[in-house]
Amino acid sequence: MILKPQNVVVPDAMHERSQALATDASALDIAISQEHPPAGVSLSAQADFPSRSVTLVLPPRRAPRRRAVRARNALASKKPLKVMKFGGTSVGDACCIEKTLEIVRGSLGDYRVLVVVSAMAGVTDLLLEAAMCAAAGDSETVARIFKSLKARHRSTANALIGSAAKRGRLNRQLKECFVEGESLCQELLLTRSLTAAARDLISSLGERLSAPLVATALTEVGVKSEAVDARECLVTDSHHGAANPSFELTRGRCERRLRPLLQKEIVPVVTGFLGATAEGALTTLGRGGSDYSASILGVVLDAQEVIIWTDVNGFLTSDPRLVAEASTIPQISYQHAAALAYFGAKVLHPKTLQPVIQRGIPVWIRNTFAPEQAGTKITLHGPHSDVSVKALAAMSDIQMIAVTVSGMEESSSVTHRAFAAVAAARSDILMTAQTRSTCELGFVVRSPLAERTMEALQMEFGSDADRRYIREIGVKNGVALVTVVGQHLRDLPGIAEQAFAVLCREKLQVIASSQGASDCNLSFVVAAEDMERTLGVLHKEFQLDGVSNFR
């Protein structure tokens, strides 16, 4: 006799029999459910709780196959999770994306994988250029930029996707993004005003184009994948251009949107750099924020590790473009890596390590184009080493705002008020520096924020009372910042003396200097044209050209 799927209602008198049936449910492929089982009780145990009636659902004959799927999902949920972020160069064209696909596919089996992607290299800059041109009324440049972006993404899709059906679906997704971007630029041509919200919207299109492209390419090579817009899962405040995440809300949305995919061993490809407020307004985390996106998702999904795939072999002892002898650091602490990122090492977004520190999740920096290289592992304590100086960082896109006071007794009050005023203006002082003049304070800021910072300081110290002890506020251009990063630098005064001595010997003038609030950084303001030579001299002086000291 063939049993067809049906519902059989069993009265209370037959409750004991239903319990017996529950015991043999797995053998009979019979699922038992009740009207109101206690929350959290598994399906097979629900018959142990009394109810007004018990419903026996006889499943179709393919139930064993469904049970096998559930078993695979259960097994997948026990696999550790890797979050992999691929930067703009890693998804820059079809050849680069193919290397990315190899890395992802090679990690499956023992791990679940979540991918975070940046825009294709250079795309965000072009999108912002289009927006600024639109706001300036230059429609021809806008049209030219969008034409080139469409051609680039279309040719990449054609090279990667062989299936006409998949390519058609992908092209429709890409077209939607381009239509949105062009419509926004048309509005800007009329309003001639580029707001922070509009800037976020236009700059987010690069990631929203690359995510479906990479996800579709993964399916083409046999990897189950789905593109996910981060607005569905990463919740932030409303600070456009530098939004801060809400971890509690983000965790809940990730459990609902991303966890089911991971349990089915589907690789989510999430747009980096962007998120949305709880109300749904699009925001961005700041330029280079895809690293930050990866660490946020890694924390809320309890990842085993976060891997930042880029185009260098990890953290180096200095910028290899400026110091040919720079070498890879195999392992480094959160504190030292954060200092290097903050003071100019472009390997990592400065905020990336903030979420993972409390959870102790290791972060790797690895090279997409040399995956055989181990890269740099960033951990809580780093390696056990007696070496004081770990690496050097440099920034050229800075300015120093010099505040001349009547006496040093006012400097502490001036510094405190300056930081408060700049913070209120949503700007950021990289560091305060002591110049050669005992009556001059230097506030080092990134060049894009210099004008805003200057205005905030002039407003703060513009009263008649302040003019009695604030003589002048001016800007020094053509400067660069070189930072020594290491351990116990404050407790080892010889390090600072050694650095000053070698720079003096090489006739490299130090305009200003600063010992960081922590004991892990010592910074020098030098002339911009001296930055490269300053790095080379210090790199040699502290013997950073070998990796043995970092093992």
Protein backbone atom coordinates (compact mmCIF):
# COMPACT_ATOMS: atom_id res chain seq x y z
CA MET A 1 0.00 0.00 0.00
CA ILE A 2 1.30 3.50 -0.89
CA LEU A 3 0.98 6.18 1.82
CA LYS A 4 0.18 9.63 0.52
CA PRO A 5 1.02 12.82 2.47
CA GLN A 6 -1.84 13.57 4.82
CA ASN A 7 -2.69 15.00 8.23
CA VAL A 8 -4.11 12.68 10.93
CA VAL A 9 -5.46 14.30 14.12
CA VAL A 10 -4.97 12.15 17.20
CA PRO A 11 -7.19 12.85 20.28
CA ASP A 12 -5.84 13.12 23.83
CA ALA A 13 -6.74 9.49 24.54
CA MET A 14 -4.17 8.38 22.01
CA HIS A 15 -1.40 10.62 23.40
CA GLU A 16 0.68 7.71 24.71
CA ARG A 17 0.57 6.09 21.31
CA SER A 18 1.75 9.32 19.72
CA GLN A 19 4.78 9.26 22.04
CA ALA A 20 5.58 5.78 20.88
CA LEU A 21 5.29 6.93 17.31
CA ALA A 22 7.65 9.80 18.11
CA THR A 23 10.25 7.30 19.28
CA ASP A 24 10.13 5.57 15.90
CA ALA A 25 9.65 8.74 13.86
CA SER A 26 13.13 8.70 12.39
CA ALA A 27 12.65 5.14 11.15
CA LEU A 28 9.21 5.86 9.69
CA ASP A 29 10.10 9.26 8.22
CA ILE A 30 7.19 10.74 10.22
CA ALA A 31 7.47 14.27 11.60
CA ILE A 32 5.48 15.02 14.75
CA SER A 33 4.26 18.52 15.59
CA GLN A 34 1.93 20.09 18.16
CA GLU A 35 -0.20 23.16 18.23
CA HIS A 36 1.85 25.08 20.80
CA PRO A 37 5.15 23.36 21.63
CA PRO A 38 7.46 25.13 24.10
CA ALA A 39 9.92 27.53 22.43
CA GLY A 40 13.27 26.00 21.61
CA VAL A 41 12.06 22.41 21.71
CA SER A 42 13.23 20.32 18.79
CA LEU A 43 10.72 18.75 16.45
CA SER A 44 11.51 15.18 17.50
CA ALA A 45 10.97 16.00 21.18
CA GLN A 46 7.71 17.92 20.87
CA ALA A 47 5.50 14.86 21.51
CA ASP A 48 6.84 14.69 25.07
CA PHE A 49 4.74 17.73 25.98
CA PRO A 50 0.96 17.39 26.47
CA SER A 51 -1.32 19.26 24.14
CA ARG A 52 -4.91 19.21 23.02
CA SER A 53 -3.98 17.22 19.92
CA VAL A 54 -0.99 15.86 18.07
CA THR A 55 -0.69 16.07 14.30
CA LEU A 56 1.19 13.36 12.46
CA VAL A 57 2.44 14.53 9.08
CA LEU A 58 3.28 11.70 6.71
CA PRO A 59 5.95 13.11 4.35
CA PRO A 60 6.36 12.39 0.66
CA ARG A 61 8.67 9.59 -0.37
CA ARG A 62 11.61 11.95 -1.04
CA ALA A 63 11.93 12.77 2.68
CA PRO A 64 15.21 10.82 3.05
CA ARG A 65 16.76 13.22 0.57
CA ARG A 66 15.57 16.19 2.60
CA ARG A 67 16.95 14.57 5.72
CA ALA A 68 20.31 14.20 4.01
CA VAL A 69 20.24 17.92 3.17
CA ARG A 70 19.51 18.74 6.81
CA ALA A 71 22.42 16.56 7.86
CA ARG A 72 24.75 18.37 5.47
CA ASN A 73 23.55 21.73 6.79
CA ALA A 74 24.17 20.60 10.36
CA LEU A 75 27.68 19.54 9.40
CA ALA A 76 28.29 22.85 7.62
CA SER A 77 27.21 24.80 10.69
CA LYS A 78 30.03 23.16 12.66
CA LYS A 79 32.70 24.25 10.20
CA PRO A 80 34.71 27.30 11.25
CA LEU A 81 34.03 30.52 9.36
CA LYS A 82 36.57 32.53 7.41
CA VAL A 83 35.76 36.07 6.37
CA MET A 84 37.75 37.03 3.27
CA LYS A 85 37.92 40.58 2.03
CA PHE A 86 39.19 41.23 -1.50
CA GLY A 87 40.36 44.74 -2.32
CA GLY A 88 40.04 46.75 -5.50
CA THR A 89 43.13 45.30 -7.16
CA SER A 90 41.96 41.76 -6.33
CA VAL A 91 38.77 42.37 -8.35
CA GLY A 92 40.31 44.83 -10.80
CA ASP A 93 39.64 42.85 -13.98
CA ALA A 94 38.74 39.36 -15.17
CA CYS A 95 42.26 37.95 -14.61
CA CYS A 96 42.38 39.30 -11.05
CA ILE A 97 38.91 37.98 -10.26
CA GLU A 98 39.94 34.53 -11.51
CA LYS A 99 42.70 34.51 -8.87
CA THR A 100 40.12 35.51 -6.28
CA LEU A 101 37.87 32.64 -7.34
CA GLU A 102 40.75 30.17 -6.95
CA ILE A 103 41.43 31.38 -3.42
CA VAL A 104 37.78 31.12 -2.36
CA ARG A 105 37.26 27.71 -3.94
CA GLY A 106 40.47 26.41 -2.37
CA SER A 107 39.24 27.34 1.11
CA LEU A 108 35.95 25.46 0.89
CA GLY A 109 35.60 22.00 2.33
CA ASP A 110 37.09 22.56 5.76
CA TYR A 111 35.66 26.05 6.17
CA ARG A 112 32.59 28.11 5.55
CA VAL A 113 33.54 31.29 3.68
CA LEU A 114 32.03 34.75 3.59
CA VAL A 115 33.45 37.15 1.01
CA VAL A 116 33.53 40.95 1.25
CA VAL A 117 34.46 42.86 -1.90
CA SER A 118 35.60 46.35 -2.74
CA ALA A 119 34.83 48.15 -5.98
CA MET A 120 37.04 47.36 -8.97
CA ALA A 121 40.26 49.38 -8.69
CA GLY A 122 39.73 53.03 -9.56
CA VAL A 123 35.95 52.81 -9.90
CA THR A 124 35.06 54.74 -6.73
CA ASP A 125 37.31 57.64 -7.74
CA LEU A 126 35.62 57.78 -11.16
CA LEU A 127 32.16 57.71 -9.62
CA LEU A 128 33.02 60.58 -7.28
CA GLU A 129 34.53 62.49 -10.20
CA ALA A 130 31.27 62.01 -12.11
CA ALA A 131 29.26 63.31 -9.16
CA MET A 132 31.47 66.39 -8.74
CA CYS A 133 31.34 67.10 -12.46
CA ALA A 134 27.57 66.77 -12.39
CA ALA A 135 27.35 69.23 -9.51
CA ALA A 136 29.54 71.59 -11.57
CA GLY A 137 27.31 71.23 -14.64
CA ASP A 138 29.76 69.17 -16.75
CA SER A 139 27.38 66.65 -18.33
CA GLU A 140 29.84 65.56 -21.04
CA THR A 141 32.38 64.26 -18.53
CA VAL A 142 29.63 62.48 -16.61
CA ALA A 143 28.49 60.69 -19.76
CA ARG A 144 32.07 59.75 -20.67
CA ILE A 145 32.76 58.28 -17.21
CA PHE A 146 29.61 56.17 -17.16
CA LYS A 147 30.27 54.94 -20.70
CA SER A 148 33.75 53.72 -19.70
CA LEU A 149 32.48 52.11 -16.47
CA LYS A 150 29.74 50.24 -18.35
CA ALA A 151 32.22 48.95 -20.90
CA ARG A 152 34.66 47.83 -18.23
CA HIS A 153 32.11 45.87 -16.22
CA ARG A 154 30.49 44.43 -19.33
CA SER A 155 33.79 43.16 -20.74
CA THR A 156 34.72 41.65 -17.37
CA ALA A 157 31.36 39.86 -17.17
CA ASN A 158 31.74 38.54 -20.72
CA ALA A 159 35.21 37.19 -19.94
CA LEU A 160 34.13 35.43 -16.74
CA ILE A 161 30.57 34.22 -17.39
CA GLY A 162 30.08 31.61 -20.10
CA SER A 163 26.42 30.91 -19.43
CA ALA A 164 24.20 33.22 -21.46
CA ALA A 165 21.40 32.96 -18.88
CA LYS A 166 23.70 33.87 -15.97
CA ARG A 167 25.29 36.66 -17.95
CA GLY A 168 21.86 38.04 -18.82
CA ARG A 169 20.78 38.10 -15.16
CA LEU A 170 24.05 39.73 -14.16
CA ASN A 171 23.82 42.40 -16.85
CA ARG A 172 20.33 43.30 -15.65
CA GLN A 173 21.69 43.76 -12.10
CA LEU A 174 24.54 45.91 -13.36
CA LYS A 175 22.18 47.98 -15.48
CA GLU A 176 20.03 48.77 -12.44
CA CYS A 177 23.07 50.17 -10.62
CA PHE A 178 24.14 52.27 -13.59
CA VAL A 179 20.64 53.64 -14.05
CA GLU A 180 20.60 54.64 -10.39
CA GLY A 181 23.98 56.37 -10.70
CA GLU A 182 23.06 58.22 -13.89
CA SER A 183 19.72 59.33 -12.39
CA LEU A 184 21.53 60.73 -9.36
CA CYS A 185 23.95 62.64 -11.60
CA GLN A 186 21.01 64.07 -13.54
CA GLU A 187 19.62 65.39 -10.25
CA LEU A 188 23.01 66.89 -9.40
CA LEU A 189 23.11 68.63 -12.77
CA LEU A 190 19.91 70.37 -11.74
CA THR A 191 20.60 71.06 -8.07
CA ARG A 192 24.36 71.77 -8.43
CA SER A 193 24.82 70.52 -4.88
CA LEU A 194 26.60 67.33 -3.81
CA THR A 195 25.37 66.49 -0.31
CA ALA A 196 27.02 63.97 2.02
CA ALA A 197 24.12 61.56 1.49
CA ALA A 198 24.41 61.86 -2.30
CA ARG A 199 28.18 61.34 -2.08
CA ASP A 200 27.60 58.13 -0.12
CA LEU A 201 25.07 56.91 -2.67
CA ILE A 202 27.25 57.51 -5.73
CA SER A 203 30.43 56.14 -4.11
CA SER A 204 28.65 52.93 -3.02
CA LEU A 205 27.85 51.91 -6.58
CA GLY A 206 31.30 50.38 -7.15
CA GLU A 207 30.81 47.70 -4.50
CA ARG A 208 27.22 47.14 -5.59
CA LEU A 209 28.54 46.42 -9.09
CA SER A 210 31.41 44.15 -8.05
CA ALA A 211 29.49 41.95 -5.57
CA PRO A 212 27.06 40.41 -8.12
CA LEU A 213 29.91 40.13 -10.61
CA VAL A 214 32.07 38.08 -8.23
CA ALA A 215 29.11 36.03 -6.93
CA THR A 216 28.05 35.10 -10.47
CA ALA A 217 31.65 34.24 -11.37
CA LEU A 218 31.81 31.91 -8.36
CA THR A 219 28.71 30.06 -9.53
CA GLU A 220 30.31 29.73 -12.96
CA VAL A 221 33.17 27.71 -11.40
CA GLY A 222 30.82 25.52 -9.38
CA VAL A 223 30.68 27.39 -6.07
CA LYS A 224 27.23 28.14 -4.68
CA SER A 225 27.18 31.87 -4.07
CA GLU A 226 24.84 34.81 -3.60
CA ALA A 227 25.48 38.56 -3.73
CA VAL A 228 24.30 40.41 -0.63
CA ASP A 229 23.88 44.18 -0.38
CA ALA A 230 25.31 45.23 2.99
CA ARG A 231 22.31 47.49 3.52
CA GLU A 232 20.46 44.29 4.40
CA CYS A 233 22.77 43.35 7.23
CA LEU A 234 25.19 46.10 8.36
CA VAL A 235 23.42 48.74 10.46
CA THR A 236 25.11 52.08 11.18
CA ASP A 237 24.40 55.51 12.56
CA SER A 238 23.53 58.36 10.19
CA HIS A 239 27.01 59.93 9.95
CA HIS A 240 27.43 59.96 6.17
CA GLY A 241 30.97 59.36 4.96
CA ALA A 242 32.25 57.89 8.23
CA ALA A 243 29.36 55.93 9.74
CA ASN A 244 29.77 53.89 12.91
CA PRO A 245 28.25 50.40 13.15
CA SER A 246 25.60 49.23 15.59
CA PHE A 247 26.88 45.80 16.53
CA GLU A 248 23.70 44.64 18.25
CA LEU A 249 21.44 45.45 15.29
CA THR A 250 24.02 44.20 12.80
CA ARG A 251 24.33 40.87 14.62
CA GLY A 252 20.58 40.29 14.48
CA ARG A 253 20.32 41.08 10.80
CA CYS A 254 23.36 38.98 9.92
CA GLU A 255 21.85 36.00 11.74
CA ARG A 256 18.70 36.37 9.66
CA ARG A 257 20.29 37.20 6.30
CA LEU A 258 23.74 35.61 6.22
CA ARG A 259 23.67 32.68 8.66
CA PRO A 260 21.11 30.65 6.65
CA LEU A 261 23.29 30.97 3.54
CA LEU A 262 26.39 29.84 5.42
CA GLN A 263 24.56 26.85 6.88
CA LYS A 264 23.65 25.79 3.35
CA GLU A 265 27.32 26.22 2.34
CA ILE A 266 26.43 29.11 0.07
CA VAL A 267 29.18 31.74 -0.11
CA PRO A 268 27.71 35.20 0.54
CA VAL A 269 29.50 37.94 -1.41
CA VAL A 270 28.81 41.10 0.59
CA THR A 271 29.36 44.65 -0.57
CA GLY A 272 32.11 46.24 1.49
CA PHE A 273 32.35 49.88 2.51
CA LEU A 274 28.63 50.53 2.89
CA GLY A 275 25.72 49.91 5.24
CA ALA A 276 22.45 51.55 6.15
CA THR A 277 20.77 53.17 9.11
CA ALA A 278 18.05 51.28 10.97
CA GLU A 279 15.58 53.25 8.86
CA GLY A 280 17.25 52.14 5.63
CA ALA A 281 19.23 55.23 4.56
CA LEU A 282 22.46 54.24 2.79
CA THR A 283 25.72 55.16 4.56
CA THR A 284 29.42 54.47 4.05
CA LEU A 285 32.18 53.65 6.51
CA GLY A 286 34.77 55.93 4.90
CA ARG A 287 37.24 55.37 2.08
CA GLY A 288 38.92 51.99 2.34
CA GLY A 289 36.13 50.89 4.66
CA SER A 290 35.73 47.40 3.15
CA ASP A 291 38.41 46.17 5.57
CA TYR A 292 36.28 47.53 8.39
CA SER A 293 33.19 45.83 6.93
CA ALA A 294 35.01 42.49 6.99
CA SER A 295 36.04 42.78 10.63
CA ILE A 296 32.54 43.87 11.69
CA LEU A 297 30.97 40.87 9.97
CA GLY A 298 33.67 38.59 11.36
CA VAL A 299 32.84 39.63 14.90
CA VAL A 300 29.04 39.38 14.68
CA LEU A 301 29.23 35.97 12.93
CA ASP A 302 31.93 34.58 15.27
CA ALA A 303 34.49 34.01 12.53
CA GLN A 304 37.62 32.02 13.26
CA GLU A 305 39.70 34.57 11.35
CA VAL A 306 39.50 37.52 8.99
CA ILE A 307 41.77 37.62 5.93
CA ILE A 308 42.42 40.84 4.03
CA TRP A 309 43.49 39.87 0.51
CA THR A 310 45.37 42.71 -1.17
CA ASP A 311 48.33 43.29 -3.51
CA VAL A 312 51.20 43.18 -0.98
CA ASN A 313 52.62 40.32 1.07
CA GLY A 314 51.45 41.73 4.39
CA PHE A 315 52.65 44.49 6.70
CA LEU A 316 56.15 45.52 5.70
CA THR A 317 58.84 47.25 7.70
CA SER A 318 58.26 50.31 5.50
CA ASP A 319 56.59 51.31 2.26
CA PRO A 320 58.38 49.18 -0.39
CA ARG A 321 57.85 51.93 -2.97
CA LEU A 322 60.02 54.21 -0.83
CA VAL A 323 62.39 51.74 0.84
CA ALA A 324 63.62 48.96 -1.42
CA GLU A 325 64.94 46.93 1.55
CA ALA A 326 61.53 46.74 3.26
CA SER A 327 60.66 43.21 4.38
CA THR A 328 57.48 41.41 5.41
CA ILE A 329 56.61 41.16 9.10
CA PRO A 330 55.35 37.61 9.76
CA GLN A 331 53.46 38.48 12.95
CA ILE A 332 52.56 41.69 14.72
CA SER A 333 50.30 42.78 17.58
CA TYR A 334 46.96 44.55 17.25
CA GLN A 335 48.49 47.64 18.86
CA HIS A 336 51.43 47.92 16.50
CA ALA A 337 49.36 47.11 13.40
CA ALA A 338 46.78 49.74 14.39
CA ALA A 339 49.53 52.33 14.87
CA LEU A 340 51.01 51.57 11.45
CA ALA A 341 47.59 51.83 9.82
CA TYR A 342 46.77 55.06 11.64
CA PHE A 343 50.05 56.71 10.68
CA GLY A 344 49.98 55.89 7.00
CA ALA A 345 50.44 52.19 6.19
CA LYS A 346 47.78 51.76 3.50
CA VAL A 347 47.63 47.99 3.93
CA LEU A 348 44.76 48.25 6.41
CA HIS A 349 41.91 50.65 7.19
CA PRO A 350 42.69 52.29 10.58
CA LYS A 351 39.41 51.11 12.16
CA THR A 352 39.68 47.49 11.03
CA LEU A 353 41.12 46.15 14.26
CA GLN A 354 38.72 47.89 16.64
CA PRO A 355 35.96 45.24 16.49
CA VAL A 356 38.21 42.16 16.68
CA ILE A 357 40.40 43.12 19.65
CA GLN A 358 37.98 42.11 22.42
CA ARG A 359 37.17 38.83 20.69
CA GLY A 360 40.80 38.05 19.93
CA ILE A 361 40.04 37.15 16.30
CA PRO A 362 43.27 37.02 14.28
CA VAL A 363 43.48 39.14 11.13
CA TRP A 364 45.71 38.17 8.23
CA ILE A 365 47.12 40.39 5.48
CA ARG A 366 47.83 38.28 2.39
CA ASN A 367 48.63 38.78 -1.29
CA THR A 368 46.01 37.72 -3.83
CA PHE A 369 48.71 37.53 -6.49
CA ALA A 370 51.12 35.50 -4.37
CA PRO A 371 48.85 33.27 -2.26
CA GLU A 372 51.75 30.95 -1.52
CA GLN A 373 53.21 33.70 0.71
CA ALA A 374 52.18 33.41 4.36
CA GLY A 375 51.59 37.14 4.80
CA THR A 376 51.26 38.87 8.17
CA LYS A 377 49.24 37.53 11.10
CA ILE A 378 47.87 40.17 13.48
CA THR A 379 47.19 38.89 16.99
CA LEU A 380 46.61 40.26 20.47
CA HIS A 381 50.21 40.14 21.68
CA GLY A 382 52.21 39.56 18.51
CA PRO A 383 55.47 37.59 18.56
CA HIS A 384 57.69 37.18 21.60
CA SER A 385 60.56 39.46 20.69
CA ASP A 386 62.98 41.83 22.39
CA VAL A 387 63.28 44.01 19.29
CA SER A 388 62.13 47.55 20.09
CA VAL A 389 61.48 49.07 16.67
CA LYS A 390 59.06 47.06 14.51
CA ALA A 391 58.41 49.21 11.44
CA LEU A 392 58.11 52.69 9.96
CA ALA A 393 55.08 54.48 8.52
CA ALA A 394 54.81 57.66 6.50
CA MET A 395 52.17 60.14 5.37
CA SER A 396 52.68 62.86 2.78
CA ASP A 397 49.10 64.11 2.44
CA ILE A 398 49.18 66.16 5.64
CA GLN A 399 49.43 69.74 6.85
CA MET A 400 50.53 71.14 10.18
CA ILE A 401 48.52 73.93 11.80
CA ALA A 402 50.86 75.94 14.00
CA VAL A 403 49.41 77.80 17.00
CA THR A 404 51.77 80.34 18.58
CA VAL A 405 51.05 81.04 22.27
CA SER A 406 52.46 83.75 24.50
CA GLY A 407 53.87 81.25 26.99
CA MET A 408 54.10 77.53 27.59
CA GLU A 409 51.87 77.76 30.66
CA GLU A 410 48.90 78.17 28.28
CA SER A 411 49.80 75.21 26.06
CA SER A 412 47.91 72.56 28.05
CA SER A 413 44.66 74.56 28.01
CA VAL A 414 45.08 75.38 24.32
CA THR A 415 45.63 71.72 23.42
CA HIS A 416 42.56 70.58 25.36
CA ARG A 417 40.32 73.22 23.78
CA ALA A 418 41.73 72.54 20.31
CA PHE A 419 40.90 68.85 20.45
CA ALA A 420 37.38 69.56 21.70
CA ALA A 421 36.73 72.13 18.95
CA VAL A 422 38.09 69.91 16.20
CA ALA A 423 36.08 66.91 17.42
CA ALA A 424 32.90 69.02 17.41
CA ALA A 425 33.64 69.95 13.79
CA ARG A 426 33.90 66.24 12.86
CA SER A 427 37.56 66.63 11.99
CA ASP A 428 40.54 64.73 13.36
CA ILE A 429 43.94 65.76 14.70
CA LEU A 430 46.46 63.02 13.95
CA MET A 431 48.82 64.24 16.65
CA THR A 432 50.11 67.27 18.51
CA ALA A 433 53.75 68.06 17.90
CA GLN A 434 56.38 70.14 19.66
CA THR A 435 58.18 72.41 17.23
CA ARG A 436 61.63 73.89 17.68
CA SER A 437 59.99 76.98 19.14
CA THR A 438 58.98 76.53 22.76
CA CYS A 439 55.94 78.76 22.18
CA GLU A 440 54.56 76.99 19.12
CA LEU A 441 52.19 74.01 19.11
CA GLY A 442 51.75 71.92 15.98
CA PHE A 443 48.51 70.13 15.15
CA VAL A 444 49.04 67.60 12.34
CA VAL A 445 45.96 66.85 10.23
CA ARG A 446 45.19 65.12 6.94
CA SER A 447 45.13 67.61 4.06
CA PRO A 448 41.43 67.10 3.16
CA LEU A 449 40.52 68.07 6.73
CA ALA A 450 42.92 71.01 7.07
CA GLU A 451 40.47 73.76 6.06
CA ARG A 452 37.73 72.46 8.35
CA THR A 453 40.22 72.11 11.23
CA MET A 454 41.59 75.61 10.68
CA GLU A 455 38.09 77.11 10.75
CA ALA A 456 37.26 75.24 13.97
CA LEU A 457 40.41 76.52 15.68
CA GLN A 458 39.87 80.10 14.52
CA MET A 459 36.33 80.06 15.87
CA GLU A 460 37.47 78.53 19.16
CA PHE A 461 40.27 81.05 19.73
CA GLY A 462 38.76 84.09 18.01
CA SER A 463 37.56 86.01 21.06
CA ASP A 464 39.30 89.11 22.39
CA ALA A 465 40.17 87.27 25.60
CA ASP A 466 41.93 84.52 23.65
CA ARG A 467 43.98 86.96 21.62
CA ARG A 468 45.93 87.84 24.75
CA TYR A 469 47.73 84.53 24.67
CA ILE A 470 47.11 83.23 21.12
CA ARG A 471 49.49 85.19 18.93
CA GLU A 472 48.95 83.45 15.60
CA ILE A 473 47.28 80.48 13.90
CA GLY A 474 48.85 79.45 10.60
CA VAL A 475 49.26 76.50 8.25
CA LYS A 476 52.54 74.87 7.23
CA ASN A 477 52.35 73.14 3.87
CA GLY A 478 54.89 70.91 2.17
CA VAL A 479 55.43 68.66 5.17
CA ALA A 480 55.31 64.91 5.76
CA LEU A 481 54.97 62.67 8.79
CA VAL A 482 57.36 59.79 9.52
CA THR A 483 56.53 57.49 12.45
CA VAL A 484 58.62 54.88 14.24
CA VAL A 485 56.43 52.07 15.61
CA GLY A 486 57.69 49.68 18.26
CA GLN A 487 57.40 48.52 21.84
CA HIS A 488 58.34 50.34 25.05
CA LEU A 489 59.54 53.40 23.14
CA ARG A 490 58.67 55.69 26.04
CA ASP A 491 60.68 53.55 28.46
CA LEU A 492 63.64 53.49 26.09
CA PRO A 493 64.78 57.12 25.65
CA GLY A 494 67.74 55.89 23.69
CA ILE A 495 65.47 55.16 20.72
CA ALA A 496 64.47 58.82 20.34
CA GLU A 497 68.05 59.98 20.85
CA GLN A 498 69.28 57.47 18.30
CA ALA A 499 66.73 58.65 15.75
CA PHE A 500 67.47 62.36 16.27
CA ALA A 501 71.21 61.72 16.11
CA VAL A 502 71.15 59.87 12.79
CA LEU A 503 68.78 62.42 11.20
CA CYS A 504 71.03 65.26 12.35
CA ARG A 505 74.10 63.42 11.04
CA GLU A 506 72.40 63.03 7.65
CA LYS A 507 71.40 66.72 7.70
CA LEU A 508 67.67 65.93 7.73
CA GLN A 509 65.80 68.66 9.58
CA VAL A 510 63.06 67.72 12.05
CA ILE A 511 60.38 70.44 11.95
CA ALA A 512 58.41 68.98 14.87
CA SER A 513 58.22 65.73 16.84
CA SER A 514 55.86 63.88 19.14
CA GLN A 515 55.98 60.96 21.51
CA GLY A 516 52.61 59.19 21.26
CA ALA A 517 50.18 58.87 24.14
CA SER A 518 50.94 55.15 24.10
CA ASP A 519 54.48 53.83 24.23
CA CYS A 520 54.45 52.41 20.71
CA ASN A 521 55.04 55.37 18.38
CA LEU A 522 57.46 58.25 17.90
CA SER A 523 56.67 60.71 15.09
CA PHE A 524 58.65 63.33 13.17
CA VAL A 525 57.38 66.11 10.92
CA VAL A 526 59.87 66.68 8.10
CA ALA A 527 59.89 68.49 4.77
CA ALA A 528 57.91 66.54 2.16
CA GLU A 529 60.95 66.28 -0.11
CA ASP A 530 62.90 64.67 2.76
CA MET A 531 60.34 61.96 3.55
CA GLU A 532 61.79 59.18 1.41
CA ARG A 533 65.37 59.77 2.57
CA THR A 534 64.23 59.99 6.21
CA LEU A 535 62.56 56.59 5.90
CA GLY A 536 65.67 55.06 4.32
CA VAL A 537 68.00 56.43 6.97
CA LEU A 538 65.83 55.25 9.90
CA HIS A 539 65.17 51.87 8.27
CA LYS A 540 68.91 51.24 8.03
CA GLU A 541 69.66 52.67 11.49
CA PHE A 542 67.19 50.33 13.21
CA GLN A 543 68.22 47.34 11.07
CA LEU A 544 64.76 46.62 9.68
CA ASP A 545 65.96 45.00 6.46
CA GLY A 546 65.67 41.41 7.79
CA VAL A 547 62.70 39.38 9.09
CA SER A 548 64.55 37.22 11.62
CA ASN A 549 63.87 39.67 14.43
CA PHE A 550 60.11 39.26 13.95
CA ARG A 551 59.89 35.47 14.12
